[in-house]
Amino acid sequence: MVDAKFDAIIVGAGIGGLYAVYKLREMGLSVLGIEAGDNVGGVWYWNRYPGARCDLLTIDYCYTFSPEVDAEWSWSEQFAAQPEILEYINFVADRHDLRKNFRFETRVDRAAYDEARQVWTYTTDRGDAFEATYAIMATGPLSVPKVPDFADTDVFKGELYYSGRWPKEPVSFAGKRVGVVGVGSTGIQIVPVVAQEAGELFVFQRTPSFTMPMRNQRYTPEYVAEIKRNLPGMRVHARNSIVGGVRPAGTRPYFSLPPEQRRSILEDAWKNGGHTVLGSFSDLLQNAEANEQVAEFLRGKISEVVSDPETAEALKPRGYPVFARRACLDTNYYETYNEPHVQLVDCFKEPIVGLSEHGIRTSEREIELDMLILATGYDGLTGALMAFEVVGRNGRTINREWAGGAQSYLGLMMEGFPNLFMICGPNGPSALANIFTINEQNVNWIADAITHMRAAGTTAMEPTAAAQQGWMDMIAVLAEGTLLSKAKTWYTGTNIAGKASGLTMYTGGFKNYADLCRAAAEAGYGGITFEPMRNPGESIAA
């Protein structure tokens, strides 16, 4: 028995899910949002770990669809911390009364396409049964925390926390022996904050990351006023940029300047902080020689900050190109290793064997801990959509279709899965551009496609196998021209044992991606097939 019917069901109450509910509701569609958490926020709802902060400029990290929100909200910092970001997302939800369309504390167990009736049927962990014409997945590229390689976490009798599922209640580190496993972007944010209270801190490093000083700044009222006056122009620039935002993006190839000028530019970028180093030159992810010279510059900075030569050397990333893993920003990360109570455990030399009742066992010793924090990353890009059963035509499932790697068309749709739309899905720009810009562009494209279908009297749409393969061929060609695939990271899926590896992201820049999506629509959605309504007298909406 079906509990309720809707035009569209959106899974996820993060950045994309909230905007999708708003946009489709404004079109007059009946909409239901389903969210596992008890409130809105997505990744910023779950990631409450100490030091959690956005590493994109707040000028970029916000919606553009609402003049009311623009007028009434002001950021306090250049790079906002998690509490303020969550406050902002809640502010947007309140301002546009979005929560009333969501069912919280509910997980989708199964979403299946009924081909005869041209509807998607949903079942949830609470026993609900829903139907909708359009299935919109706003599950996010970073939603499923990676389980660490050691599986015996139950053995440890101390406090155990996952960074991606941090409790709402305050956690005290005062005087405790704390271990942090993982030094990606999350671990790099956690370490300096925990070190301020912990009696002892052990940082278990497997693959060191390149990180640069954030050099965050508080906004003055005068600068906030300048931002608001100039916001429209900045947003035009953002939508027409490679990264979908205003962060630096260089136009000069590295070797177009003499060594002295290159060094001067890098030194200034290091002093300015943020992603200025990444944006200093245009070819750092295409030219391996240029990339290595910038990598060596950053390694030299570690030696300048970290006083112990052995620790400094262990912290230096080698064996992969700089920026092929996520470009991290930090506040006093390297400085923290100069503190006498902080110890780096180099897991290349001393790998983790497993856990014990009292701490972590390495190949050399047992390190006793009161608390263990697992900052072990995510099953990125595909993990959330493969965490429950999604069934298309003829019993085809996403899990089987993606067993050899994620396939999609425009990063938005899949052949064999009519009316299944993915927001910020694999094979789009994903982690390589501003997530707000991507989400709004994706939702707007989906909304326009639905409007097109309804105006034409059709009910279902899906890409052809040929169109999808053409898109995937282009993704592969573009990937060959970048160094992004040269590192083992969640970008390529190589951080998850048994997962198909490959760079499932569009690497041609946000503007080019948006242009391709626009061209597909303006060409009458070429490469997409449409089906008429089989039962014209029946409306899916309740």
Protein backbone atom coordinates (compact mmCIF):
# COMPACT_ATOMS: atom_id res chain seq x y z
CA MET A 1 0.00 0.00 0.00
CA VAL A 2 1.34 3.44 -0.94
CA ASP A 3 1.37 6.03 1.85
CA ALA A 4 1.60 9.05 -0.44
CA LYS A 5 2.26 10.05 -4.05
CA PHE A 6 4.30 13.01 -5.24
CA ASP A 7 5.55 14.53 -8.44
CA ALA A 8 9.13 14.42 -7.15
CA ILE A 9 10.99 12.84 -4.25
CA ILE A 10 14.37 14.31 -3.32
CA VAL A 11 16.78 12.25 -1.22
CA GLY A 12 18.97 14.46 0.95
CA ALA A 13 18.58 17.74 2.83
CA GLY A 14 21.99 19.17 2.10
CA ILE A 15 22.92 22.02 -0.22
CA GLY A 16 21.49 20.41 -3.35
CA GLY A 17 18.44 18.82 -1.75
CA LEU A 18 17.25 22.06 -0.18
CA TYR A 19 17.50 23.97 -3.42
CA ALA A 20 15.80 21.16 -5.36
CA VAL A 21 12.85 21.25 -2.97
CA TYR A 22 12.63 25.02 -3.32
CA LYS A 23 12.94 25.05 -7.11
CA LEU A 24 10.47 22.25 -7.86
CA ARG A 25 8.01 23.53 -5.30
CA GLU A 26 8.11 26.96 -6.98
CA MET A 27 7.23 25.20 -10.24
CA GLY A 28 4.02 23.97 -8.62
CA LEU A 29 5.12 20.35 -8.21
CA SER A 30 4.24 18.25 -5.19
CA VAL A 31 7.55 17.46 -3.51
CA LEU A 32 8.84 15.28 -0.68
CA GLY A 33 12.34 15.41 0.72
CA ILE A 34 13.76 12.45 2.66
CA GLU A 35 16.69 12.92 5.03
CA ALA A 36 18.48 10.54 7.42
CA GLY A 37 19.43 13.28 9.88
CA ASP A 38 17.00 15.06 12.14
CA ASN A 39 17.50 18.39 10.41
CA VAL A 40 18.86 20.07 7.30
CA GLY A 41 22.53 20.64 6.54
CA GLY A 42 23.89 17.60 4.73
CA VAL A 43 27.63 17.23 5.16
CA TRP A 44 27.62 20.19 7.55
CA TYR A 45 25.01 18.52 9.72
CA TRP A 46 27.14 15.39 10.14
CA ASN A 47 30.62 16.95 10.26
CA ARG A 48 30.73 18.65 13.65
CA TYR A 49 34.28 17.57 14.44
CA PRO A 50 36.63 20.03 16.18
CA GLY A 51 38.09 22.54 13.75
CA ALA A 52 35.58 21.81 10.96
CA ARG A 53 35.70 24.71 8.55
CA CYS A 54 35.03 25.35 4.88
CA ASP A 55 38.13 25.73 2.72
CA LEU A 56 36.24 27.73 0.09
CA LEU A 57 35.62 31.45 0.37
CA THR A 58 32.27 32.29 1.92
CA ILE A 59 31.65 34.67 -0.99
CA ASP A 60 31.35 31.50 -3.07
CA TYR A 61 29.96 29.18 -0.43
CA CYS A 62 26.35 30.32 -0.51
CA TYR A 63 23.19 30.19 -2.59
CA THR A 64 22.53 32.72 -5.32
CA PHE A 65 18.80 32.08 -5.89
CA SER A 66 17.42 34.16 -3.04
CA PRO A 67 17.63 37.98 -2.93
CA GLU A 68 16.01 37.82 0.51
CA VAL A 69 18.83 35.66 1.90
CA ASP A 70 21.47 37.86 0.26
CA ALA A 71 20.00 40.94 1.90
CA GLU A 72 19.46 39.46 5.35
CA TRP A 73 22.52 37.22 5.84
CA SER A 74 26.14 38.32 6.35
CA TRP A 75 29.15 36.05 6.86
CA SER A 76 31.55 36.82 9.70
CA GLU A 77 34.71 35.29 8.21
CA GLN A 78 36.52 34.70 4.94
CA PHE A 79 36.44 30.93 5.57
CA ALA A 80 33.46 30.02 7.74
CA ALA A 81 33.48 27.42 10.50
CA GLN A 82 30.97 24.57 10.61
CA PRO A 83 28.61 26.14 13.17
CA GLU A 84 28.17 29.27 11.05
CA ILE A 85 27.71 27.27 7.83
CA LEU A 86 25.05 25.12 9.48
CA GLU A 87 23.42 28.26 10.85
CA TYR A 88 23.35 29.67 7.31
CA ILE A 89 21.76 26.55 5.85
CA ASN A 90 19.16 26.60 8.61
CA PHE A 91 18.57 30.29 7.93
CA VAL A 92 17.83 29.52 4.27
CA ALA A 93 15.52 26.67 5.27
CA ASP A 94 13.66 28.96 7.68
CA ARG A 95 13.49 31.89 5.28
CA HIS A 96 11.83 29.76 2.60
CA ASP A 97 9.95 27.36 4.90
CA LEU A 98 11.63 24.30 3.39
CA ARG A 99 11.46 21.90 6.33
CA LYS A 100 7.73 21.33 5.88
CA ASN A 101 8.50 19.36 2.72
CA PHE A 102 10.96 16.99 4.42
CA ARG A 103 10.60 13.77 6.32
CA PHE A 104 13.59 13.63 8.69
CA GLU A 105 15.22 10.71 10.51
CA THR A 106 14.29 8.52 7.58
CA ARG A 107 16.54 6.49 5.28
CA VAL A 108 15.60 5.19 1.86
CA ASP A 109 16.09 1.43 1.71
CA ARG A 110 15.04 1.01 -1.91
CA ALA A 111 14.02 3.12 -4.89
CA ALA A 112 12.74 1.15 -7.89
CA TYR A 113 11.31 2.16 -11.25
CA ASP A 114 7.93 0.69 -12.16
CA GLU A 115 8.20 0.68 -15.94
CA ALA A 116 4.55 -0.18 -16.58
CA ARG A 117 3.30 2.73 -14.47
CA GLN A 118 6.25 5.08 -15.15
CA VAL A 119 6.76 5.87 -11.48
CA TRP A 120 9.49 5.45 -8.90
CA THR A 121 8.53 3.53 -5.77
CA TYR A 122 10.35 4.15 -2.49
CA THR A 123 10.51 2.16 0.72
CA THR A 124 12.17 3.48 3.87
CA ASP A 125 13.60 2.12 7.10
CA ARG A 126 10.46 3.36 8.86
CA GLY A 127 8.18 1.23 6.71
CA ASP A 128 6.99 4.06 4.47
CA ALA A 129 5.99 3.48 0.85
CA PHE A 130 6.01 6.46 -1.50
CA GLU A 131 5.68 7.00 -5.24
CA ALA A 132 6.92 9.79 -7.50
CA THR A 133 7.35 10.49 -11.19
CA TYR A 134 10.80 12.06 -10.71
CA ALA A 135 13.53 10.57 -8.54
CA ILE A 136 16.08 13.19 -7.59
CA MET A 137 19.18 12.08 -5.72
CA ALA A 138 20.83 14.85 -3.71
CA THR A 139 22.89 12.38 -1.70
CA GLY A 140 26.12 14.36 -1.95
CA PRO A 141 29.62 13.38 -3.08
CA LEU A 142 30.92 13.05 0.51
CA SER A 143 28.21 11.36 2.57
CA VAL A 144 29.47 7.88 3.45
CA PRO A 145 32.44 7.74 5.87
CA LYS A 146 35.11 5.20 4.96
CA VAL A 147 35.48 2.31 7.37
CA PRO A 148 39.16 2.10 8.37
CA ASP A 149 41.34 -0.69 7.04
CA PHE A 150 41.46 -2.26 10.51
CA ALA A 151 38.07 -3.77 11.23
CA ASP A 152 38.44 -4.49 14.96
CA THR A 153 37.18 -1.13 16.22
CA ASP A 154 34.95 -2.87 18.79
CA VAL A 155 38.05 -4.09 20.62
CA PHE A 156 39.01 -0.59 21.77
CA LYS A 157 37.48 0.26 25.17
CA GLY A 158 38.20 3.98 25.13
CA GLU A 159 36.27 6.78 23.46
CA LEU A 160 35.94 6.24 19.70
CA TYR A 161 34.74 8.90 17.25
CA TYR A 162 34.32 9.12 13.48
CA SER A 163 34.95 12.61 12.17
CA GLY A 164 32.05 12.28 9.73
CA ARG A 165 29.59 11.22 12.46
CA TRP A 166 30.64 13.48 15.30
CA PRO A 167 28.23 13.65 18.27
CA LYS A 168 26.20 16.74 19.02
CA GLU A 169 27.27 16.70 22.66
CA PRO A 170 30.55 18.43 23.62
CA VAL A 171 33.62 16.19 23.65
CA SER A 172 36.46 16.98 26.05
CA PHE A 173 40.08 16.23 25.18
CA ALA A 174 41.50 17.79 28.34
CA GLY A 175 44.44 15.85 29.70
CA LYS A 176 43.69 12.78 27.59
CA ARG A 177 45.93 10.65 25.41
CA VAL A 178 44.31 11.14 22.01
CA GLY A 179 45.02 9.40 18.72
CA VAL A 180 43.99 10.81 15.34
CA VAL A 181 44.08 8.47 12.34
CA GLY A 182 44.16 10.21 8.98
CA VAL A 183 45.72 13.43 7.73
CA GLY A 184 43.51 14.44 4.85
CA SER A 185 41.63 17.72 4.95
CA THR A 186 39.64 16.63 8.01
CA GLY A 187 42.57 15.38 10.06
CA ILE A 188 44.52 18.52 9.24
CA GLN A 189 41.70 20.59 10.72
CA ILE A 190 41.28 18.38 13.78
CA VAL A 191 44.91 18.10 14.91
CA PRO A 192 45.66 21.73 15.88
CA VAL A 193 42.40 22.08 17.80
CA VAL A 194 42.68 18.82 19.76
CA ALA A 195 46.33 19.58 20.54
CA GLN A 196 45.26 22.67 22.50
CA GLU A 197 43.62 20.49 25.18
CA ALA A 198 45.02 16.97 24.92
CA GLY A 199 47.56 15.72 27.41
CA GLU A 200 49.25 13.81 24.60
CA LEU A 201 48.37 13.66 20.91
CA PHE A 202 49.47 10.92 18.50
CA VAL A 203 48.84 11.62 14.81
CA PHE A 204 48.84 8.46 12.71
CA GLN A 205 49.85 9.49 9.21
CA ARG A 206 49.54 7.12 6.30
CA THR A 207 49.78 9.37 3.24
CA PRO A 208 50.87 12.94 4.02
CA SER A 209 48.86 15.69 2.35
CA PHE A 210 49.98 18.98 0.87
CA THR A 211 48.47 21.75 2.94
CA MET A 212 48.83 25.52 2.81
CA PRO A 213 48.07 28.19 5.40
CA MET A 214 44.47 29.38 5.27
CA ARG A 215 45.21 32.79 6.83
CA ASN A 216 41.54 33.31 7.61
CA GLN A 217 40.28 36.83 8.29
CA ARG A 218 37.31 38.25 10.13
CA TYR A 219 35.06 40.46 8.03
CA THR A 220 34.64 44.09 8.98
CA PRO A 221 31.25 45.80 8.54
CA GLU A 222 32.82 47.96 5.84
CA TYR A 223 33.99 44.96 3.84
CA VAL A 224 30.62 43.22 4.22
CA ALA A 225 29.00 46.30 2.71
CA GLU A 226 31.47 46.17 -0.19
CA ILE A 227 30.65 42.51 -0.77
CA LYS A 228 26.92 43.16 -0.88
CA ARG A 229 27.34 46.05 -3.32
CA ASN A 230 29.48 43.99 -5.67
CA LEU A 231 27.89 40.57 -5.25
CA PRO A 232 26.03 40.49 -8.61
CA GLY A 233 29.19 41.12 -10.60
CA MET A 234 31.21 38.59 -8.62
CA ARG A 235 28.57 35.95 -9.25
CA VAL A 236 28.65 36.53 -13.00
CA HIS A 237 32.40 36.00 -12.82
CA ALA A 238 31.95 32.85 -10.74
CA ARG A 239 29.47 31.26 -13.15
CA ASN A 240 31.86 31.92 -16.03
CA SER A 241 34.99 30.64 -14.31
CA ILE A 242 36.81 27.31 -14.35
CA VAL A 243 36.09 26.66 -10.67
CA GLY A 244 32.58 28.12 -10.46
CA GLY A 245 33.79 30.68 -7.97
CA VAL A 246 36.06 33.65 -7.33
CA ARG A 247 39.05 31.82 -5.87
CA PRO A 248 42.30 32.40 -7.81
CA ALA A 249 42.68 30.64 -11.16
CA GLY A 250 45.88 31.53 -13.00
CA THR A 251 46.17 32.14 -16.73
CA ARG A 252 49.99 31.99 -17.01
CA PRO A 253 51.83 28.72 -17.68
CA TYR A 254 54.50 28.07 -15.07
CA PHE A 255 57.50 28.18 -17.40
CA SER A 256 56.35 31.38 -19.09
CA LEU A 257 58.22 33.29 -16.37
CA PRO A 258 61.89 33.17 -15.28
CA PRO A 259 62.73 31.27 -12.06
CA GLU A 260 63.12 34.40 -9.92
CA GLN A 261 59.66 35.68 -10.85
CA ARG A 262 58.07 32.27 -10.33
CA ARG A 263 59.59 32.05 -6.86
CA SER A 264 58.42 35.56 -6.01
CA ILE A 265 54.86 34.71 -7.07
CA LEU A 266 54.87 31.53 -4.96
CA GLU A 267 56.27 33.35 -1.92
CA ASP A 268 53.56 36.00 -2.18
CA ALA A 269 50.92 33.31 -2.60
CA TRP A 270 52.14 31.51 0.52
CA LYS A 271 51.95 34.76 2.49
CA ASN A 272 48.45 35.55 1.19
CA GLY A 273 47.21 32.06 2.05
CA GLY A 274 44.12 30.23 0.86
CA HIS A 275 44.21 28.67 -2.59
CA THR A 276 46.50 31.38 -3.94
CA VAL A 277 49.33 28.90 -4.58
CA LEU A 278 47.00 26.60 -6.49
CA GLY A 279 45.78 29.51 -8.60
CA SER A 280 49.19 31.02 -9.32
CA PHE A 281 49.73 29.24 -12.63
CA SER A 282 47.44 27.71 -15.23
CA ASP A 283 49.16 24.39 -15.95
CA LEU A 284 50.04 22.88 -12.57
CA LEU A 285 47.71 19.93 -13.16
CA GLN A 286 48.90 19.36 -16.73
CA ASN A 287 52.68 19.91 -16.63
CA ALA A 288 54.43 17.34 -14.43
CA GLU A 289 57.71 19.28 -14.29
CA ALA A 290 55.98 22.48 -13.21
CA ASN A 291 53.94 20.52 -10.67
CA GLU A 292 57.05 18.98 -9.11
CA GLN A 293 58.77 22.35 -8.76
CA VAL A 294 55.76 23.77 -6.90
CA ALA A 295 55.60 20.61 -4.80
CA GLU A 296 59.25 21.08 -3.83
CA PHE A 297 58.52 24.69 -2.89
CA LEU A 298 55.79 23.50 -0.52
CA ARG A 299 58.02 20.76 0.93
CA GLY A 300 60.60 23.43 1.69
CA LYS A 301 58.01 25.38 3.65
CA ILE A 302 57.47 22.37 5.92
CA SER A 303 61.15 22.40 6.86
CA GLU A 304 60.93 26.10 7.59
CA VAL A 305 58.07 25.56 10.07
CA VAL A 306 58.72 22.14 11.70
CA SER A 307 61.77 22.24 13.95
CA ASP A 308 62.54 18.50 14.11
CA PRO A 309 64.16 17.46 10.79
CA GLU A 310 62.94 13.85 10.99
CA THR A 311 59.35 14.90 11.62
CA ALA A 312 59.54 17.52 8.88
CA GLU A 313 60.79 14.94 6.39
CA ALA A 314 58.02 12.49 7.31
CA LEU A 315 55.41 15.22 6.77
CA LYS A 316 56.59 15.93 3.23
CA PRO A 317 54.29 14.38 0.61
CA ARG A 318 56.07 12.47 -2.14
CA GLY A 319 55.10 10.06 -4.87
CA TYR A 320 52.11 11.95 -6.24
CA PRO A 321 51.53 15.38 -7.81
CA VAL A 322 50.63 18.34 -5.65
CA PHE A 323 46.92 19.15 -5.91
CA ALA A 324 46.13 15.66 -7.27
CA ARG A 325 44.79 15.04 -3.79
CA ARG A 326 42.46 17.64 -2.31
CA ALA A 327 44.31 20.92 -1.80
CA CYS A 328 44.13 21.38 1.97
CA LEU A 329 44.14 24.62 3.91
CA ASP A 330 45.14 24.77 7.57
CA THR A 331 45.62 26.95 10.60
CA ASN A 332 48.86 26.11 12.45
CA TYR A 333 48.93 22.47 11.33
CA TYR A 334 52.68 22.18 10.88
CA GLU A 335 53.33 24.42 13.88
CA THR A 336 51.47 21.89 16.05
CA TYR A 337 54.25 19.35 15.57
CA ASN A 338 56.63 21.66 17.44
CA GLU A 339 54.58 21.11 20.60
CA PRO A 340 56.31 18.64 23.00
CA HIS A 341 53.13 16.66 23.66
CA VAL A 342 52.41 16.01 19.95
CA GLN A 343 53.94 13.02 18.20
CA LEU A 344 53.72 12.00 14.55
CA VAL A 345 53.49 8.27 13.92
CA ASP A 346 54.71 7.56 10.38
CA CYS A 347 52.62 4.61 9.25
CA PHE A 348 54.87 3.99 6.26
CA LYS A 349 57.61 2.98 8.69
CA GLU A 350 55.29 1.82 11.47
CA PRO A 351 52.00 0.61 9.99
CA ILE A 352 48.90 0.12 12.10
CA VAL A 353 48.29 -3.57 12.75
CA GLY A 354 45.01 -3.16 14.60
CA LEU A 355 43.43 -2.00 17.82
CA SER A 356 43.68 -3.28 21.35
CA GLU A 357 41.57 -2.65 24.42
CA HIS A 358 43.83 0.20 25.38
CA GLY A 359 44.90 1.77 22.10
CA ILE A 360 46.50 1.14 18.71
CA ARG A 361 48.89 -1.65 17.84
CA THR A 362 51.52 -0.80 15.26
CA SER A 363 54.16 -3.09 13.81
CA GLU A 364 56.57 -1.79 16.48
CA ARG A 365 54.56 -1.14 19.63
CA GLU A 366 51.25 -0.58 21.38
CA ILE A 367 50.31 3.06 21.92
CA GLU A 368 47.88 3.47 24.80
CA LEU A 369 45.05 5.94 24.20
CA ASP A 370 42.05 7.30 26.06
CA MET A 371 40.39 8.48 22.84
CA LEU A 372 40.64 7.56 19.17
CA ILE A 373 39.43 9.85 16.36
CA LEU A 374 39.05 8.24 12.93
CA ALA A 375 39.44 10.83 10.18
CA THR A 376 39.71 8.13 7.52
CA GLY A 377 37.83 9.87 4.73
CA TYR A 378 34.84 8.96 2.59
CA ASP A 379 33.58 6.59 -0.04
CA GLY A 380 33.32 9.58 -2.35
CA LEU A 381 31.22 10.40 -5.40
CA THR A 382 29.41 7.05 -5.65
CA GLY A 383 29.23 5.74 -2.08
CA ALA A 384 25.94 7.37 -1.10
CA LEU A 385 24.01 6.14 -4.15
CA MET A 386 25.41 2.64 -3.73
CA ALA A 387 24.49 2.53 -0.03
CA PHE A 388 20.86 1.62 -0.79
CA GLU A 389 19.18 -0.25 -3.63
CA VAL A 390 18.34 1.77 -6.74
CA VAL A 391 16.61 -0.30 -9.43
CA GLY A 392 15.95 0.81 -12.98
CA ARG A 393 14.56 -0.95 -16.04
CA ASN A 394 14.57 -4.75 -16.14
CA GLY A 395 15.92 -5.06 -12.62
CA ARG A 396 19.14 -3.19 -13.40
CA THR A 397 20.70 -1.75 -10.26
CA ILE A 398 23.17 1.08 -9.82
CA ASN A 399 25.39 -1.22 -7.77
CA ARG A 400 25.77 -3.61 -10.68
CA GLU A 401 25.96 -0.90 -13.33
CA TRP A 402 28.73 0.88 -11.43
CA ALA A 403 30.68 -2.21 -10.38
CA GLY A 404 33.26 -1.39 -13.05
CA GLY A 405 33.08 2.39 -12.51
CA ALA A 406 30.37 5.05 -12.42
CA GLN A 407 28.58 5.70 -15.72
CA SER A 408 26.35 8.69 -16.40
CA TYR A 409 25.35 11.30 -18.94
CA LEU A 410 26.30 14.90 -18.05
CA GLY A 411 26.78 13.64 -14.50
CA LEU A 412 23.01 14.04 -14.25
CA MET A 413 21.26 10.95 -15.65
CA MET A 414 21.81 7.27 -16.45
CA GLU A 415 20.71 5.08 -19.34
CA GLY A 416 18.22 2.49 -18.11
CA PHE A 417 17.04 4.66 -15.22
CA PRO A 418 14.24 6.94 -16.53
CA ASN A 419 13.61 10.16 -14.62
CA LEU A 420 16.45 9.44 -12.21
CA PHE A 421 18.37 12.67 -11.75
CA MET A 422 21.60 13.06 -9.81
CA ILE A 423 22.67 16.38 -8.27
CA CYS A 424 26.45 16.75 -8.15
CA GLY A 425 26.75 13.19 -9.41
CA PRO A 426 29.79 11.31 -10.69
CA ASN A 427 31.22 12.46 -14.03
CA GLY A 428 30.29 16.07 -13.41
CA PRO A 429 32.67 18.74 -11.99
CA SER A 430 32.00 17.56 -8.43
CA ALA A 431 35.00 18.27 -6.15
CA LEU A 432 36.73 20.43 -8.75
CA ALA A 433 34.35 23.40 -8.53
CA ASN A 434 32.25 25.33 -6.05
CA ILE A 435 29.60 22.94 -4.74
CA PHE A 436 26.89 25.63 -4.47
CA THR A 437 27.40 26.68 -8.09
CA ILE A 438 27.29 23.07 -9.28
CA ASN A 439 24.19 22.25 -7.27
CA GLU A 440 22.25 25.26 -8.49
CA GLN A 441 23.27 24.62 -12.11
CA ASN A 442 22.32 20.95 -11.84
CA VAL A 443 18.95 21.63 -10.22
CA ASN A 444 18.12 24.32 -12.77
CA TRP A 445 18.93 21.93 -15.63
CA ILE A 446 16.74 19.22 -14.08
CA ALA A 447 13.90 21.69 -13.52
CA ASP A 448 14.10 22.85 -17.14
CA ALA A 449 14.09 19.23 -18.35
CA ILE A 450 10.97 18.48 -16.29
CA THR A 451 9.29 21.63 -17.63
CA HIS A 452 10.17 20.53 -21.17
CA MET A 453 8.65 17.09 -20.58
CA ARG A 454 5.46 18.41 -19.10
CA ALA A 455 4.99 20.96 -21.89
CA ALA A 456 5.50 18.26 -24.50
CA GLY A 457 3.11 15.82 -22.83
CA THR A 458 5.84 13.29 -22.07
CA THR A 459 6.37 11.55 -18.75
CA ALA A 460 9.79 9.90 -18.77
CA MET A 461 13.24 10.72 -20.14
CA GLU A 462 16.58 8.94 -20.15
CA PRO A 463 19.83 9.19 -22.11
CA THR A 464 20.60 6.71 -24.85
CA ALA A 465 23.44 4.25 -24.38
CA ALA A 466 25.31 5.98 -27.21
CA ALA A 467 24.99 9.43 -25.62
CA GLN A 468 26.13 8.13 -22.25
CA GLN A 469 29.11 6.36 -23.78
CA GLY A 470 30.01 9.50 -25.69
CA TRP A 471 30.04 11.48 -22.45
CA MET A 472 32.16 8.84 -20.73
CA ASP A 473 34.61 8.80 -23.64
CA MET A 474 35.03 12.55 -23.25
CA ILE A 475 35.54 12.19 -19.49
CA ALA A 476 38.31 9.66 -20.19
CA VAL A 477 40.03 11.86 -22.79
CA LEU A 478 39.96 14.86 -20.47
CA ALA A 479 41.29 12.76 -17.58
CA GLU A 480 44.30 11.74 -19.64
CA GLY A 481 45.31 15.39 -19.88
CA THR A 482 45.41 16.00 -16.12
CA LEU A 483 47.61 14.83 -13.25
CA LEU A 484 44.56 14.34 -11.02
CA SER A 485 44.47 10.62 -11.70
CA LYS A 486 48.07 10.13 -10.52
CA ALA A 487 47.25 9.94 -6.81
CA LYS A 488 45.45 7.37 -4.70
CA THR A 489 42.52 9.35 -3.36
CA TRP A 490 38.73 9.45 -3.12
CA TYR A 491 38.82 11.36 -6.40
CA THR A 492 39.77 8.10 -8.12
CA GLY A 493 38.13 5.64 -5.71
CA THR A 494 41.46 4.06 -4.81
CA ASN A 495 40.96 4.81 -1.11
CA ILE A 496 38.28 2.09 -0.93
CA ALA A 497 39.33 -1.57 -1.14
CA GLY A 498 37.64 -3.36 -4.03
CA LYS A 499 36.17 -0.22 -5.57
CA ALA A 500 36.62 0.34 -9.29
CA SER A 501 39.31 2.97 -9.79
CA GLY A 502 39.18 5.85 -12.21
CA LEU A 503 38.75 9.61 -12.29
CA THR A 504 34.97 9.96 -12.44
CA MET A 505 34.92 13.74 -12.66
CA TYR A 506 34.60 16.21 -15.51
CA THR A 507 37.96 18.01 -15.59
CA GLY A 508 37.26 20.59 -18.29
CA GLY A 509 36.22 23.36 -15.90
CA PHE A 510 32.83 24.45 -14.61
CA LYS A 511 32.03 26.94 -17.38
CA ASN A 512 32.68 24.41 -20.13
CA TYR A 513 30.59 21.85 -18.27
CA ALA A 514 27.69 24.28 -17.89
CA ASP A 515 27.96 25.18 -21.58
CA LEU A 516 27.75 21.50 -22.57
CA CYS A 517 24.67 20.99 -20.39
CA ARG A 518 23.07 24.10 -21.86
CA ALA A 519 23.88 23.00 -25.41
CA ALA A 520 22.25 19.61 -24.82
CA ALA A 521 19.04 21.30 -23.68
CA GLU A 522 19.03 23.88 -26.44
CA ALA A 523 19.49 21.13 -29.04
CA GLY A 524 16.18 19.64 -27.94
CA TYR A 525 17.80 17.25 -25.48
CA GLY A 526 19.60 15.33 -28.17
CA GLY A 527 20.82 11.96 -26.98
CA ILE A 528 17.81 11.65 -24.66
CA THR A 529 14.68 9.63 -25.38
CA PHE A 530 11.24 10.65 -24.15
CA GLU A 531 8.18 8.54 -23.43
CA PRO A 532 4.56 9.69 -23.55
CA MET A 533 2.31 9.12 -20.56
CA ARG A 534 0.86 5.62 -20.76
CA ASN A 535 -2.12 6.41 -18.52
CA PRO A 536 -3.09 10.00 -19.39
CA GLY A 537 -6.00 10.02 -17.00
CA GLU A 538 -3.90 9.21 -13.94
CA SER A 539 -1.87 11.85 -12.08
CA ILE A 540 0.89 10.68 -9.80
CA ALA A 541 0.59 13.60 -7.39
CA ALA A 542 -1.57 13.13 -4.35
